[in-house]
Every structure is written in structure tokens, then in C-alpha cells.
Amino acid sequence: MAYDFTPLKNKIKETEEWLSRELSGVRTGRATPTLLDGVKPEAYGSRTALRELGSVSVEDARTLRVIPWDKGLLKNIEKGITDANLGVGVSTDEMGLRVSFPELTSERRAQLTKIAGDRTEQAKITLRQHRTDALKALDTAEEGGGMGEDEVKRLKGEVQKLIDVGNEALAKVLERKEEEITQ
């Protein structure tokens, strides 16, 4: 009986994509609109993602411009950004909001690197859980008489190889992010 590794490969890929999304929210020296993805100001009676309330664009290396579609939401958006505790300055003008990111200190860079490392560790824990699930499925198949002992042992080795490749991919994502933070 051939074992299908597709679900495991998909889970590994999903974990890598999750880590990339998580790390995109960690601030580096440059301002990017993804840094405001976690901001959900109060609008129309519920918390709404900022990108659904207006456009977010890069004004310069350390400044983002938020132009709300409904100017009546300016105060709510400003409060939402302030409440998100991103360590940014927010000012309003006739066009909308200007979000200024101060220069990173070496202490803050160290904190951001630690946060990135913690998120990577969460992703590695998820990979280990996926490995455990795959190994249990193989053991179940062996107990059910669908596979021989040698076949299961070989397939467990393949599972470990896939997990190792996944861990290497996570390490590369972290390495790129750490490089961005230190620049």
C-alpha cells in the first residue's frame, strides 16, 4: 500500500506560509502596509480591518499614509492605531492619517529579533505536531495489517526528511527577517 504524503506536504507549506504572514507583521526599518494589518478600529458598530476602511500606502521609508473612504472614521482609525501599541506616531491632516515609524534602537531590534524567533519556534512546534500525526497514521496502518514493518520504517524516514526540509524552510524565513531587522 502506497502512503500519500500530500496532506503532510500541504500542512508543512501552510505552516511556512503562516510564519511568513506572522513575520510580515513584525516591524523592520522600513514602513510597509502589512504592519497595520493587525489594526482593527471600531467602525459601524464592530471591529473592522483597517484595509477595509481605507487605503494604506507608503509615503516614504518610515511613513505610511492612511486615507479612509469615510472621513467620519478618522478619529476611530487614529484611536485603533494608537491602541494597537505599535510604537508609532499618528497625525491627521486634510487627506487622512500619517503614521510615522521612529528609527529602531538596537534594544528594539533585539526585541523584534526575539519576537521573530518566538514565532518561528511556534511554527516548529506545529511541524512537530504534524510529524507526530503522520507517524501515528503509519502506526495505525501497520497495526491494521495494511503495511509491513519494513515499509513503515522506510515511510517514517520519509516523513522525517519532509519535516527536516520544512524546518530548513522556516529557518530561511527567519534568517531573511532577522536580516531585515538588523538593516
N, C-alpha and C. Protein backbone atom coordinates (compact mmCIF):
# COMPACT_ATOMS: atom_id res chain seq x y z
N MET A 1 0.84 -1.19 0.00
CA MET A 1 0.00 0.00 0.00
C MET A 1 0.88 1.25 0.00
N ALA A 2 0.65 2.13 -0.92
CA ALA A 2 1.44 3.36 -1.00
C ALA A 2 0.87 4.41 -0.05
N TYR A 3 1.76 5.09 0.63
CA TYR A 3 1.33 6.13 1.57
C TYR A 3 1.31 7.47 0.84
N ASP A 4 0.28 8.25 1.07
CA ASP A 4 0.13 9.55 0.42
C ASP A 4 0.69 10.65 1.33
N PHE A 5 1.78 11.27 0.90
CA PHE A 5 2.42 12.34 1.68
C PHE A 5 1.82 13.71 1.39
N THR A 6 0.88 13.81 0.48
CA THR A 6 0.33 15.11 0.08
C THR A 6 -0.24 15.91 1.26
N PRO A 7 -1.05 15.30 2.14
CA PRO A 7 -1.57 16.09 3.27
C PRO A 7 -0.45 16.64 4.15
N LEU A 8 0.58 15.84 4.40
CA LEU A 8 1.70 16.30 5.22
C LEU A 8 2.43 17.44 4.53
N LYS A 9 2.67 17.30 3.23
CA LYS A 9 3.36 18.37 2.48
C LYS A 9 2.54 19.65 2.51
N ASN A 10 1.23 19.53 2.38
CA ASN A 10 0.36 20.72 2.43
C ASN A 10 0.41 21.40 3.80
N LYS A 11 0.41 20.58 4.86
CA LYS A 11 0.47 21.14 6.21
C LYS A 11 1.81 21.85 6.44
N ILE A 12 2.89 21.28 5.92
CA ILE A 12 4.20 21.91 6.06
C ILE A 12 4.21 23.25 5.33
N LYS A 13 3.64 23.27 4.13
CA LYS A 13 3.58 24.51 3.34
C LYS A 13 2.71 25.55 4.04
N GLU A 14 1.59 25.13 4.60
CA GLU A 14 0.71 26.04 5.34
C GLU A 14 1.43 26.64 6.54
N THR A 15 2.22 25.84 7.23
CA THR A 15 2.97 26.33 8.38
C THR A 15 3.99 27.38 7.95
N GLU A 16 4.67 27.13 6.84
CA GLU A 16 5.64 28.09 6.33
C GLU A 16 4.94 29.40 5.93
N GLU A 17 3.79 29.29 5.28
CA GLU A 17 3.04 30.49 4.90
C GLU A 17 2.55 31.25 6.13
N TRP A 18 2.11 30.53 7.15
CA TRP A 18 1.68 31.17 8.40
C TRP A 18 2.83 31.97 8.99
N LEU A 19 4.01 31.36 9.05
CA LEU A 19 5.17 32.05 9.62
C LEU A 19 5.50 33.29 8.80
N SER A 20 5.45 33.20 7.50
CA SER A 20 5.72 34.36 6.65
C SER A 20 4.74 35.49 6.94
N ARG A 21 3.45 35.14 7.10
CA ARG A 21 2.44 36.17 7.41
C ARG A 21 2.70 36.77 8.78
N GLU A 22 3.01 35.92 9.76
CA GLU A 22 3.27 36.41 11.11
C GLU A 22 4.47 37.36 11.13
N LEU A 23 5.53 36.97 10.44
CA LEU A 23 6.74 37.79 10.45
C LEU A 23 6.58 39.06 9.62
N SER A 24 5.64 39.07 8.68
CA SER A 24 5.43 40.30 7.91
C SER A 24 4.86 41.40 8.81
N GLY A 25 4.24 41.01 9.90
CA GLY A 25 3.71 41.98 10.85
C GLY A 25 4.73 42.47 11.85
N VAL A 26 5.93 41.89 11.84
CA VAL A 26 6.99 42.34 12.73
C VAL A 26 7.73 43.46 12.03
N ARG A 27 7.83 44.57 12.69
CA ARG A 27 8.38 45.77 12.10
C ARG A 27 9.87 45.65 11.82
N THR A 28 10.27 46.21 10.69
CA THR A 28 11.69 46.32 10.36
C THR A 28 12.00 47.80 10.22
N GLY A 29 13.12 48.12 9.65
CA GLY A 29 13.50 49.53 9.48
C GLY A 29 12.62 50.27 8.49
N ARG A 30 11.94 49.57 7.62
CA ARG A 30 11.11 50.20 6.59
C ARG A 30 9.63 50.05 6.95
N ALA A 31 8.87 51.07 6.59
CA ALA A 31 7.42 51.03 6.81
C ALA A 31 6.76 50.29 5.65
N THR A 32 5.93 49.31 5.97
CA THR A 32 5.17 48.59 4.95
C THR A 32 3.71 48.53 5.40
N PRO A 33 2.78 48.54 4.46
CA PRO A 33 1.36 48.49 4.83
C PRO A 33 0.97 47.26 5.64
N THR A 34 1.70 46.16 5.49
CA THR A 34 1.35 44.94 6.25
C THR A 34 1.52 45.13 7.75
N LEU A 35 2.29 46.13 8.16
CA LEU A 35 2.46 46.38 9.59
C LEU A 35 1.15 46.81 10.25
N LEU A 36 0.23 47.33 9.46
CA LEU A 36 -1.05 47.78 10.01
C LEU A 36 -2.16 46.74 9.83
N ASP A 37 -1.81 45.54 9.34
CA ASP A 37 -2.82 44.50 9.12
C ASP A 37 -3.54 44.09 10.40
N GLY A 38 -2.86 44.15 11.53
CA GLY A 38 -3.47 43.74 12.79
C GLY A 38 -4.34 44.80 13.42
N VAL A 39 -4.37 46.01 12.85
CA VAL A 39 -5.15 47.10 13.41
C VAL A 39 -6.61 46.93 13.00
N LYS A 40 -7.49 46.90 14.01
CA LYS A 40 -8.92 46.74 13.74
C LYS A 40 -9.69 47.80 14.54
N PRO A 41 -9.84 48.99 13.96
CA PRO A 41 -10.56 50.05 14.68
C PRO A 41 -12.07 49.78 14.72
N GLU A 42 -12.73 50.44 15.65
CA GLU A 42 -14.18 50.36 15.78
C GLU A 42 -14.81 51.15 14.63
N ALA A 43 -15.64 50.50 13.84
CA ALA A 43 -16.30 51.17 12.72
C ALA A 43 -17.67 50.56 12.50
N TYR A 44 -18.67 51.38 12.47
CA TYR A 44 -20.04 50.94 12.20
C TYR A 44 -20.51 49.86 13.19
N GLY A 45 -20.08 49.99 14.42
CA GLY A 45 -20.55 49.09 15.46
C GLY A 45 -19.77 47.80 15.64
N SER A 46 -18.69 47.61 14.88
CA SER A 46 -17.89 46.39 15.07
C SER A 46 -16.43 46.68 14.74
N ARG A 47 -15.57 45.78 15.14
CA ARG A 47 -14.15 45.90 14.82
C ARG A 47 -13.95 45.48 13.37
N THR A 48 -13.31 46.35 12.60
CA THR A 48 -13.14 46.11 11.17
C THR A 48 -11.67 46.28 10.81
N ALA A 49 -11.17 45.43 9.94
CA ALA A 49 -9.77 45.53 9.50
C ALA A 49 -9.55 46.88 8.82
N LEU A 50 -8.41 47.47 9.07
CA LEU A 50 -8.08 48.79 8.54
C LEU A 50 -8.13 48.82 7.02
N ARG A 51 -7.67 47.77 6.37
CA ARG A 51 -7.64 47.75 4.90
C ARG A 51 -9.05 47.76 4.30
N GLU A 52 -10.07 47.47 5.11
CA GLU A 52 -11.44 47.51 4.64
C GLU A 52 -12.07 48.89 4.83
N LEU A 53 -11.36 49.76 5.55
CA LEU A 53 -11.90 51.09 5.84
C LEU A 53 -11.24 52.19 5.01
N GLY A 54 -10.13 51.87 4.35
CA GLY A 54 -9.44 52.88 3.57
C GLY A 54 -8.21 52.29 2.90
N SER A 55 -7.48 53.15 2.22
CA SER A 55 -6.26 52.68 1.56
C SER A 55 -5.05 53.01 2.42
N VAL A 56 -4.09 52.11 2.40
CA VAL A 56 -2.85 52.30 3.13
C VAL A 56 -1.72 52.26 2.11
N SER A 57 -0.92 53.31 2.08
CA SER A 57 0.17 53.37 1.11
C SER A 57 1.44 53.87 1.78
N VAL A 58 2.57 53.60 1.14
CA VAL A 58 3.87 54.03 1.66
C VAL A 58 4.14 55.44 1.15
N GLU A 59 4.36 56.36 2.08
CA GLU A 59 4.68 57.74 1.71
C GLU A 59 6.18 57.91 1.54
N ASP A 60 6.95 57.39 2.49
CA ASP A 60 8.41 57.31 2.38
C ASP A 60 8.88 56.14 3.23
N ALA A 61 10.17 56.00 3.42
CA ALA A 61 10.72 54.81 4.08
C ALA A 61 10.17 54.58 5.49
N ARG A 62 9.81 55.65 6.18
CA ARG A 62 9.34 55.50 7.55
C ARG A 62 7.96 56.08 7.79
N THR A 63 7.20 56.30 6.73
CA THR A 63 5.87 56.89 6.88
C THR A 63 4.85 56.18 6.00
N LEU A 64 3.70 55.89 6.60
CA LEU A 64 2.58 55.33 5.87
C LEU A 64 1.46 56.36 5.82
N ARG A 65 0.69 56.36 4.76
CA ARG A 65 -0.46 57.25 4.61
C ARG A 65 -1.71 56.40 4.61
N VAL A 66 -2.65 56.73 5.50
CA VAL A 66 -3.94 56.05 5.56
C VAL A 66 -5.01 57.04 5.13
N ILE A 67 -5.70 56.70 4.05
CA ILE A 67 -6.77 57.56 3.54
C ILE A 67 -8.09 56.80 3.69
N PRO A 68 -8.90 57.16 4.71
CA PRO A 68 -10.16 56.44 4.91
C PRO A 68 -11.17 56.81 3.83
N TRP A 69 -12.01 55.85 3.48
CA TRP A 69 -13.05 56.11 2.49
C TRP A 69 -14.16 56.95 3.09
N ASP A 70 -14.36 56.82 4.41
CA ASP A 70 -15.35 57.63 5.12
C ASP A 70 -14.58 58.51 6.10
N LYS A 71 -14.53 59.81 5.83
CA LYS A 71 -13.75 60.74 6.66
C LYS A 71 -14.27 60.80 8.10
N GLY A 72 -15.50 60.38 8.32
CA GLY A 72 -16.06 60.35 9.67
C GLY A 72 -15.39 59.32 10.57
N LEU A 73 -14.62 58.42 9.98
CA LEU A 73 -13.95 57.37 10.76
C LEU A 73 -12.53 57.76 11.18
N LEU A 74 -12.09 58.97 10.82
CA LEU A 74 -10.70 59.38 11.12
C LEU A 74 -10.33 59.16 12.58
N LYS A 75 -11.18 59.65 13.50
CA LYS A 75 -10.87 59.54 14.93
C LYS A 75 -10.81 58.08 15.38
N ASN A 76 -11.74 57.25 14.87
CA ASN A 76 -11.76 55.83 15.24
C ASN A 76 -10.51 55.12 14.72
N ILE A 77 -10.10 55.43 13.50
CA ILE A 77 -8.91 54.80 12.93
C ILE A 77 -7.67 55.24 13.71
N GLU A 78 -7.61 56.53 14.03
CA GLU A 78 -6.47 57.03 14.82
C GLU A 78 -6.41 56.33 16.17
N LYS A 79 -7.56 56.19 16.83
CA LYS A 79 -7.60 55.51 18.12
C LYS A 79 -7.20 54.04 17.97
N GLY A 80 -7.65 53.38 16.89
CA GLY A 80 -7.31 51.98 16.66
C GLY A 80 -5.81 51.77 16.47
N ILE A 81 -5.17 52.67 15.73
CA ILE A 81 -3.72 52.57 15.52
C ILE A 81 -2.97 52.82 16.83
N THR A 82 -3.44 53.81 17.58
CA THR A 82 -2.82 54.12 18.87
C THR A 82 -2.98 52.95 19.85
N ASP A 83 -4.17 52.37 19.88
CA ASP A 83 -4.45 51.25 20.79
C ASP A 83 -3.67 49.99 20.41
N ALA A 84 -3.27 49.87 19.15
CA ALA A 84 -2.51 48.69 18.70
C ALA A 84 -1.11 48.66 19.30
N ASN A 85 -0.67 49.78 19.87
CA ASN A 85 0.62 49.86 20.57
C ASN A 85 1.78 49.41 19.68
N LEU A 86 1.87 50.02 18.50
CA LEU A 86 2.92 49.67 17.55
C LEU A 86 4.17 50.54 17.73
N GLY A 87 4.10 51.51 18.62
CA GLY A 87 5.24 52.39 18.82
C GLY A 87 5.41 53.38 17.68
N VAL A 88 4.28 53.85 17.14
CA VAL A 88 4.31 54.78 16.01
C VAL A 88 3.65 56.09 16.39
N GLY A 89 3.96 57.12 15.61
CA GLY A 89 3.31 58.41 15.78
C GLY A 89 2.20 58.54 14.75
N VAL A 90 1.05 59.08 15.18
CA VAL A 90 -0.09 59.23 14.28
C VAL A 90 -0.50 60.70 14.26
N SER A 91 -0.63 61.25 13.07
CA SER A 91 -1.12 62.62 12.94
C SER A 91 -2.17 62.66 11.84
N THR A 92 -3.13 63.57 11.99
CA THR A 92 -4.18 63.70 10.99
C THR A 92 -4.00 65.00 10.23
N ASP A 93 -4.42 65.00 8.98
CA ASP A 93 -4.44 66.21 8.16
C ASP A 93 -5.66 66.15 7.26
N GLU A 94 -5.76 67.07 6.31
CA GLU A 94 -6.96 67.13 5.47
C GLU A 94 -7.14 65.89 4.59
N MET A 95 -6.06 65.15 4.29
CA MET A 95 -6.15 63.97 3.43
C MET A 95 -6.49 62.69 4.20
N GLY A 96 -6.03 62.62 5.43
CA GLY A 96 -6.24 61.40 6.20
C GLY A 96 -5.28 61.33 7.36
N LEU A 97 -4.65 60.18 7.53
CA LEU A 97 -3.73 59.95 8.63
C LEU A 97 -2.32 59.71 8.10
N ARG A 98 -1.35 60.18 8.84
CA ARG A 98 0.05 59.90 8.54
C ARG A 98 0.60 59.12 9.73
N VAL A 99 1.11 57.93 9.46
CA VAL A 99 1.66 57.07 10.50
C VAL A 99 3.18 57.06 10.35
N SER A 100 3.87 57.61 11.36
CA SER A 100 5.33 57.74 11.31
C SER A 100 5.99 56.69 12.20
N PHE A 101 6.94 55.99 11.63
CA PHE A 101 7.67 54.96 12.37
C PHE A 101 9.02 55.54 12.78
N PRO A 102 9.30 55.60 14.09
CA PRO A 102 10.60 56.13 14.52
C PRO A 102 11.73 55.16 14.16
N GLU A 103 12.94 55.68 14.15
CA GLU A 103 14.13 54.86 13.89
C GLU A 103 14.23 53.79 14.98
N LEU A 104 14.58 52.58 14.59
CA LEU A 104 14.70 51.49 15.56
C LEU A 104 15.99 51.62 16.36
N THR A 105 15.88 51.43 17.66
CA THR A 105 17.07 51.39 18.51
C THR A 105 17.62 49.97 18.51
N SER A 106 18.86 49.83 18.95
CA SER A 106 19.45 48.49 18.99
C SER A 106 18.68 47.60 19.98
N GLU A 107 18.17 48.19 21.06
CA GLU A 107 17.39 47.43 22.03
C GLU A 107 16.09 46.92 21.40
N ARG A 108 15.43 47.79 20.64
CA ARG A 108 14.17 47.41 19.99
C ARG A 108 14.43 46.35 18.91
N ARG A 109 15.55 46.48 18.19
CA ARG A 109 15.90 45.47 17.18
C ARG A 109 16.08 44.10 17.84
N ALA A 110 16.72 44.10 19.01
CA ALA A 110 16.91 42.84 19.74
C ALA A 110 15.56 42.24 20.15
N GLN A 111 14.63 43.10 20.59
CA GLN A 111 13.31 42.63 20.97
C GLN A 111 12.57 42.04 19.77
N LEU A 112 12.67 42.73 18.62
CA LEU A 112 11.99 42.25 17.42
C LEU A 112 12.58 40.93 16.94
N THR A 113 13.90 40.79 17.06
CA THR A 113 14.55 39.53 16.69
C THR A 113 14.05 38.40 17.59
N LYS A 114 13.89 38.70 18.87
CA LYS A 114 13.38 37.70 19.81
C LYS A 114 11.94 37.32 19.48
N ILE A 115 11.12 38.30 19.13
CA ILE A 115 9.73 38.03 18.75
C ILE A 115 9.70 37.13 17.51
N ALA A 116 10.54 37.45 16.52
CA ALA A 116 10.60 36.64 15.30
C ALA A 116 11.03 35.21 15.64
N GLY A 117 11.99 35.07 16.54
CA GLY A 117 12.43 33.74 16.96
C GLY A 117 11.33 32.96 17.65
N ASP A 118 10.55 33.66 18.49
CA ASP A 118 9.44 33.00 19.20
C ASP A 118 8.38 32.50 18.21
N ARG A 119 8.06 33.31 17.22
CA ARG A 119 7.07 32.91 16.22
C ARG A 119 7.59 31.72 15.41
N THR A 120 8.88 31.72 15.12
CA THR A 120 9.46 30.59 14.39
C THR A 120 9.40 29.33 15.24
N GLU A 121 9.63 29.46 16.52
CA GLU A 121 9.55 28.30 17.41
C GLU A 121 8.12 27.76 17.44
N GLN A 122 7.12 28.64 17.42
CA GLN A 122 5.72 28.19 17.36
C GLN A 122 5.48 27.38 16.08
N ALA A 123 6.05 27.85 14.98
CA ALA A 123 5.90 27.13 13.71
C ALA A 123 6.58 25.77 13.78
N LYS A 124 7.75 25.69 14.42
CA LYS A 124 8.45 24.41 14.55
C LYS A 124 7.65 23.44 15.41
N ILE A 125 7.00 23.95 16.43
CA ILE A 125 6.16 23.11 17.29
C ILE A 125 5.01 22.54 16.45
N THR A 126 4.44 23.37 15.58
CA THR A 126 3.37 22.92 14.70
C THR A 126 3.87 21.81 13.78
N LEU A 127 5.08 21.99 13.23
CA LEU A 127 5.66 20.94 12.37
C LEU A 127 5.84 19.64 13.13
N ARG A 128 6.31 19.73 14.36
CA ARG A 128 6.49 18.51 15.15
C ARG A 128 5.14 17.82 15.39
N GLN A 129 4.09 18.61 15.58
CA GLN A 129 2.75 18.03 15.75
C GLN A 129 2.31 17.32 14.47
N HIS A 130 2.59 17.94 13.32
CA HIS A 130 2.25 17.29 12.04
C HIS A 130 3.02 15.98 11.88
N ARG A 131 4.29 15.97 12.29
CA ARG A 131 5.09 14.75 12.21
C ARG A 131 4.48 13.66 13.09
N THR A 132 4.11 14.04 14.30
CA THR A 132 3.51 13.08 15.23
C THR A 132 2.23 12.49 14.63
N ASP A 133 1.41 13.34 14.02
CA ASP A 133 0.16 12.86 13.41
C ASP A 133 0.45 11.87 12.28
N ALA A 134 1.45 12.19 11.44
CA ALA A 134 1.79 11.32 10.32
C ALA A 134 2.33 9.98 10.82
N LEU A 135 3.16 10.02 11.87
CA LEU A 135 3.71 8.77 12.42
C LEU A 135 2.62 7.91 13.03
N LYS A 136 1.65 8.54 13.69
CA LYS A 136 0.53 7.79 14.26
C LYS A 136 -0.28 7.12 13.16
N ALA A 137 -0.48 7.84 12.05
CA ALA A 137 -1.23 7.28 10.93
C ALA A 137 -0.50 6.06 10.36
N LEU A 138 0.83 6.13 10.29
CA LEU A 138 1.61 4.99 9.80
C LEU A 138 1.51 3.81 10.76
N ASP A 139 1.60 4.08 12.06
CA ASP A 139 1.48 3.01 13.05
C ASP A 139 0.10 2.35 12.97
N THR A 140 -0.93 3.16 12.77
CA THR A 140 -2.28 2.63 12.65
C THR A 140 -2.40 1.73 11.42
N ALA A 141 -1.79 2.18 10.32
CA ALA A 141 -1.83 1.38 9.09
C ALA A 141 -1.09 0.07 9.28
N GLU A 142 0.02 0.09 10.03
CA GLU A 142 0.77 -1.15 10.28
C GLU A 142 -0.05 -2.10 11.15
N GLU A 143 -0.68 -1.56 12.19
CA GLU A 143 -1.48 -2.39 13.08
C GLU A 143 -2.69 -2.98 12.35
N GLY A 144 -3.21 -2.22 11.39
CA GLY A 144 -4.36 -2.70 10.63
C GLY A 144 -3.98 -3.74 9.60
N GLY A 145 -2.69 -4.01 9.45
CA GLY A 145 -2.25 -5.03 8.52
C GLY A 145 -2.09 -4.52 7.09
N GLY A 146 -2.15 -3.22 6.90
CA GLY A 146 -2.04 -2.67 5.57
C GLY A 146 -0.61 -2.53 5.09
N MET A 147 0.35 -2.54 6.03
CA MET A 147 1.76 -2.36 5.66
C MET A 147 2.63 -3.26 6.52
N GLY A 148 3.78 -3.57 5.96
CA GLY A 148 4.74 -4.35 6.71
C GLY A 148 5.64 -3.45 7.55
N GLU A 149 6.35 -4.09 8.46
CA GLU A 149 7.21 -3.34 9.39
C GLU A 149 8.31 -2.58 8.65
N ASP A 150 8.93 -3.20 7.66
CA ASP A 150 10.00 -2.54 6.90
C ASP A 150 9.46 -1.35 6.12
N GLU A 151 8.30 -1.51 5.54
CA GLU A 151 7.68 -0.42 4.77
C GLU A 151 7.38 0.77 5.68
N VAL A 152 6.84 0.52 6.86
CA VAL A 152 6.51 1.57 7.82
C VAL A 152 7.78 2.30 8.25
N LYS A 153 8.84 1.54 8.50
CA LYS A 153 10.10 2.15 8.92
C LYS A 153 10.65 3.06 7.82
N ARG A 154 10.57 2.63 6.58
CA ARG A 154 11.03 3.43 5.45
C ARG A 154 10.19 4.71 5.32
N LEU A 155 8.88 4.57 5.45
CA LEU A 155 7.99 5.72 5.33
C LEU A 155 8.18 6.71 6.48
N LYS A 156 8.48 6.20 7.67
CA LYS A 156 8.76 7.10 8.79
C LYS A 156 10.02 7.93 8.51
N GLY A 157 10.99 7.29 7.86
CA GLY A 157 12.19 8.03 7.45
C GLY A 157 11.86 9.13 6.45
N GLU A 158 10.93 8.83 5.53
CA GLU A 158 10.50 9.84 4.55
C GLU A 158 9.78 11.00 5.24
N VAL A 159 8.95 10.67 6.23
CA VAL A 159 8.25 11.71 6.98
C VAL A 159 9.28 12.63 7.65
N GLN A 160 10.29 12.04 8.27
CA GLN A 160 11.31 12.85 8.94
C GLN A 160 12.05 13.73 7.94
N LYS A 161 12.33 13.20 6.74
CA LYS A 161 13.01 14.01 5.72
C LYS A 161 12.16 15.21 5.33
N LEU A 162 10.85 15.00 5.17
CA LEU A 162 9.95 16.11 4.84
C LEU A 162 9.93 17.17 5.95
N ILE A 163 9.90 16.71 7.19
CA ILE A 163 9.90 17.64 8.33
C ILE A 163 11.22 18.41 8.37
N ASP A 164 12.33 17.73 8.11
CA ASP A 164 13.63 18.40 8.10
C ASP A 164 13.68 19.50 7.03
N VAL A 165 13.14 19.20 5.85
CA VAL A 165 13.08 20.20 4.78
C VAL A 165 12.20 21.38 5.22
N GLY A 166 11.09 21.08 5.87
CA GLY A 166 10.20 22.13 6.39
C GLY A 166 10.89 23.00 7.42
N ASN A 167 11.66 22.38 8.32
CA ASN A 167 12.40 23.15 9.33
C ASN A 167 13.44 24.05 8.68
N GLU A 168 14.10 23.55 7.63
CA GLU A 168 15.08 24.37 6.91
C GLU A 168 14.40 25.57 6.26
N ALA A 169 13.21 25.36 5.71
CA ALA A 169 12.47 26.47 5.09
C ALA A 169 12.10 27.52 6.14
N LEU A 170 11.68 27.07 7.33
CA LEU A 170 11.35 28.00 8.41
C LEU A 170 12.58 28.79 8.84
N ALA A 171 13.71 28.11 8.91
CA ALA A 171 14.95 28.78 9.30
C ALA A 171 15.33 29.85 8.27
N LYS A 172 15.09 29.57 7.00
CA LYS A 172 15.40 30.56 5.96
C LYS A 172 14.48 31.78 6.07
N VAL A 173 13.21 31.55 6.37
CA VAL A 173 12.27 32.66 6.55
C VAL A 173 12.73 33.53 7.72
N LEU A 174 13.11 32.89 8.83
CA LEU A 174 13.59 33.62 9.99
C LEU A 174 14.88 34.38 9.67
N GLU A 175 15.77 33.75 8.96
CA GLU A 175 17.04 34.38 8.60
C GLU A 175 16.82 35.65 7.78
N ARG A 176 15.90 35.57 6.81
CA ARG A 176 15.58 36.76 5.99
C ARG A 176 15.01 37.88 6.86
N LYS A 177 14.13 37.51 7.80
CA LYS A 177 13.51 38.52 8.65
C LYS A 177 14.54 39.15 9.58
N GLU A 178 15.42 38.34 10.15
CA GLU A 178 16.46 38.88 11.04
C GLU A 178 17.37 39.84 10.26
N GLU A 179 17.64 39.50 9.02
CA GLU A 179 18.47 40.38 8.18
C GLU A 179 17.76 41.71 7.96
N GLU A 180 16.44 41.67 7.72
CA GLU A 180 15.67 42.90 7.54
C GLU A 180 15.69 43.74 8.82
N ILE A 181 15.55 43.08 9.95
CA ILE A 181 15.50 43.80 11.23
C ILE A 181 16.83 44.49 11.51
N THR A 182 17.94 43.84 11.22
CA THR A 182 19.25 44.41 11.55
C THR A 182 19.70 45.51 10.58
N GLN A 183 19.04 45.62 9.45
CA GLN A 183 19.45 46.67 8.49
C GLN A 183 18.96 48.03 8.92
